[in-house]
C-alpha atoms as a PDB file:
ATOM      1  CA  MET A   1     122.445 148.478 161.071  1.00  0.00           C
ATOM      2  CA  PHE A   2     120.265 146.673 158.542  1.00  0.00           C
ATOM      3  CA  ASN A   3     117.230 148.720 159.560  1.00  0.00           C
ATOM      4  CA  THR A   4     119.236 151.966 159.206  1.00  0.00           C
ATOM      5  CA  LEU A   5     120.451 150.947 155.760  1.00  0.00           C
ATOM      6  CA  THR A   6     116.943 149.908 154.742  1.00  0.00           C
ATOM      7  CA  SER A   7     115.563 153.211 155.998  1.00  0.00           C
ATOM      8  CA  CYS A   8     118.194 155.166 154.060  1.00  0.00           C
ATOM      9  CA  ILE A   9     117.472 153.244 150.873  1.00  0.00           C
ATOM     10  CA  ALA A  10     113.723 153.716 151.327  1.00  0.00           C
ATOM     11  CA  ALA A  11     114.232 157.454 151.885  1.00  0.00           C
ATOM     12  CA  LEU A  12     116.360 157.739 148.741  1.00  0.00           C
ATOM     13  CA  VAL A  13     113.825 155.842 146.644  1.00  0.00           C
ATOM     14  CA  PHE A  14     111.029 158.015 148.014  1.00  0.00           C
ATOM     15  CA  ALA A  15     112.975 161.236 147.343  1.00  0.00           C
ATOM     16  CA  HIS A  16     113.725 160.103 143.794  1.00  0.00           C
ATOM     17  CA  ALA A  17     110.091 159.172 143.175  1.00  0.00           C
ATOM     18  CA  VAL A  18     108.812 162.491 144.437  1.00  0.00           C
ATOM     19  CA  SER A  19     111.373 164.506 142.483  1.00  0.00           C
ATOM     20  CA  ALA A  20     110.629 162.569 139.295  1.00  0.00           C
ATOM     21  CA  ALA A  21     106.894 163.011 139.821  1.00  0.00           C
ATOM     22  CA  LEU A  22     107.462 166.754 139.857  1.00  0.00           C
ATOM     23  CA  VAL A  23     108.287 166.635 136.169  1.00  0.00           C
ATOM     24  CA  THR A  24     105.432 165.541 133.936  1.00  0.00           C
ATOM     25  CA  GLU A  25     105.025 166.338 130.294  1.00  0.00           C
ATOM     26  CA  GLY A  26     108.227 168.392 130.364  1.00  0.00           C
ATOM     27  CA  GLN A  27     106.942 170.863 132.956  1.00  0.00           C
ATOM     28  CA  ALA A  28     108.823 171.410 136.186  1.00  0.00           C
ATOM     29  CA  SER A  29     107.018 172.315 139.350  1.00  0.00           C
ATOM     30  CA  GLU A  30     108.120 173.332 142.824  1.00  0.00           C
ATOM     31  CA  SER A  31     105.900 170.740 144.465  1.00  0.00           C
ATOM     32  CA  VAL A  32     103.112 168.319 143.761  1.00  0.00           C
ATOM     33  CA  ASP A  33     100.225 167.773 146.114  1.00  0.00           C
ATOM     34  CA  MET A  34      99.441 164.131 145.467  1.00  0.00           C
ATOM     35  CA  ARG A  35      95.872 164.776 146.648  1.00  0.00           C
ATOM     36  CA  ASP A  36      95.447 166.835 143.466  1.00  0.00           C
ATOM     37  CA  PHE A  37      97.471 164.661 141.080  1.00  0.00           C
ATOM     38  CA  SER A  38      94.802 163.307 138.744  1.00  0.00           C
ATOM     39  CA  CYS A  39      94.369 159.969 137.094  1.00  0.00           C
ATOM     40  CA  ASN A  40      94.622 161.766 133.758  1.00  0.00           C
ATOM     41  CA  GLN A  41      98.030 163.146 134.710  1.00  0.00           C
ATOM     42  CA  TYR A  42      99.171 159.627 135.580  1.00  0.00           C
ATOM     43  CA  LEU A  43      97.772 158.086 132.397  1.00  0.00           C
ATOM     44  CA  SER A  44      99.405 160.737 130.204  1.00  0.00           C
ATOM     45  CA  ALA A  45     102.752 160.673 132.026  1.00  0.00           C
ATOM     46  CA  HIS A  46     105.914 159.190 130.571  1.00  0.00           C
ATOM     47  CA  PRO A  47     106.346 155.505 131.588  1.00  0.00           C
ATOM     48  CA  GLU A  48     109.385 156.380 133.703  1.00  0.00           C
ATOM     49  CA  THR A  49     107.344 158.973 135.590  1.00  0.00           C
ATOM     50  CA  GLN A  50     104.568 156.413 136.055  1.00  0.00           C
ATOM     51  CA  GLN A  51     107.123 153.978 137.507  1.00  0.00           C
ATOM     52  CA  ASN A  52     108.354 156.622 139.940  1.00  0.00           C
ATOM     53  CA  ILE A  53     104.788 157.358 141.011  1.00  0.00           C
ATOM     54  CA  LEU A  54     104.261 153.644 141.617  1.00  0.00           C
ATOM     55  CA  PHE A  55     107.238 153.762 143.982  1.00  0.00           C
ATOM     56  CA  TRP A  56     105.572 156.704 145.737  1.00  0.00           C
ATOM     57  CA  VAL A  57     102.331 154.702 146.057  1.00  0.00           C
ATOM     58  CA  ASP A  58     104.243 151.731 147.456  1.00  0.00           C
ATOM     59  CA  GLY A  59     106.119 153.984 149.874  1.00  0.00           C
ATOM     60  CA  TYR A  60     102.912 155.674 150.972  1.00  0.00           C
ATOM     61  CA  LEU A  61     101.161 152.382 151.632  1.00  0.00           C
ATOM     62  CA  SER A  62     104.277 150.862 153.212  1.00  0.00           C
ATOM     63  CA  HIS A  63     104.656 153.768 155.610  1.00  0.00           C
ATOM     64  CA  ALA A  64     100.999 153.606 156.566  1.00  0.00           C
ATOM     65  CA  SER A  65     101.205 149.871 157.286  1.00  0.00           C
ATOM     66  CA  SER A  66     104.781 149.858 158.687  1.00  0.00           C
ATOM     67  CA  ASN A  67     105.653 147.242 156.056  1.00  0.00           C
ATOM     68  CA  LEU A  68     109.095 147.990 154.648  1.00  0.00           C
ATOM     69  CA  VAL A  69     109.131 145.159 152.108  1.00  0.00           C
ATOM     70  CA  VAL A  70     109.109 146.273 148.473  1.00  0.00           C
ATOM     71  CA  LEU A  71     107.445 143.723 146.216  1.00  0.00           C
ATOM     72  CA  PHE A  72     108.476 144.783 142.741  1.00  0.00           C
ATOM     73  CA  ASP A  73     105.836 142.521 141.199  1.00  0.00           C
ATOM     74  CA  GLY A  74     103.316 144.415 143.311  1.00  0.00           C
ATOM     75  CA  LEU A  75     104.126 147.592 141.385  1.00  0.00           C
ATOM     76  CA  ASP A  76     102.597 145.980 138.296  1.00  0.00           C
ATOM     77  CA  ASP A  77      99.448 145.341 140.334  1.00  0.00           C
ATOM     78  CA  TYR A  78      99.329 149.008 141.396  1.00  0.00           C
ATOM     79  CA  HIS A  79      99.706 150.070 137.755  1.00  0.00           C
ATOM     80  CA  ARG A  80      96.935 147.730 136.614  1.00  0.00           C
ATOM     81  CA  VAL A  81      94.570 149.010 139.314  1.00  0.00           C
ATOM     82  CA  ILE A  82      95.368 152.623 138.467  1.00  0.00           C
ATOM     83  CA  VAL A  83      94.828 152.158 134.730  1.00  0.00           C
ATOM     84  CA  GLU A  84      91.598 150.173 135.114  1.00  0.00           C
ATOM     85  CA  THR A  85      90.122 152.550 137.679  1.00  0.00           C
ATOM     86  CA  CYS A  86      91.304 155.759 136.059  1.00  0.00           C
ATOM     87  CA  GLN A  87      89.716 154.891 132.738  1.00  0.00           C
ATOM     88  CA  ASP A  88      86.320 155.232 134.425  1.00  0.00           C
ATOM     89  CA  ASP A  89      87.023 158.716 135.824  1.00  0.00           C
ATOM     90  CA  PRO A  90      90.294 160.290 134.632  1.00  0.00           C
ATOM     91  CA  ARG A  91      89.659 163.483 136.616  1.00  0.00           C
ATOM     92  CA  GLN A  92      89.689 161.835 140.045  1.00  0.00           C
ATOM     93  CA  PRO A  93      92.738 162.314 142.252  1.00  0.00           C
ATOM     94  CA  LEU A  94      95.139 159.408 142.074  1.00  0.00           C
ATOM     95  CA  SER A  95      95.388 159.352 145.862  1.00  0.00           C
ATOM     96  CA  ASP A  96      91.680 158.451 146.085  1.00  0.00           C
ATOM     97  CA  LEU A  97      92.499 155.043 144.623  1.00  0.00           C
ATOM     98  CA  PHE A  98      94.597 153.950 147.580  1.00  0.00           C
ATOM     99  CA  VAL A  99      93.421 153.814 151.156  1.00  0.00           C
ATOM    100  CA  ALA A 100      96.284 153.422 153.561  1.00  0.00           C
ATOM    101  CA  PRO A 101      95.896 150.350 155.752  1.00  0.00           C
ATOM    102  CA  GLU A 102      95.894 150.882 159.485  1.00  0.00           C
ATOM    103  CA  LYS A 103      99.160 150.217 161.268  1.00  0.00           C
ATOM    104  CA  THR A 104      99.249 146.981 163.202  1.00  0.00           C
END
């Protein structure tokens, strides 16, 4: 039961993060291909949208590694890495910054 509840919560967080990421700078979109979502879009996004994208990043990496633990302090690390790396090349896709670990 715990795993089912955890899965439901993770799915809700992921759905919220994706839906919030669809709205940046007041523009709604039908979908966002995260392969094309640029560093510049992240850097210029509202802080709440940035936070939701960080949840997406955590969910993406967690799914890839089968690790279902959310480390909220780790979100600050993701943000720091994104900001530092994106300042060098704001046009690069945000997804290029994170390589999914192999599942163990």
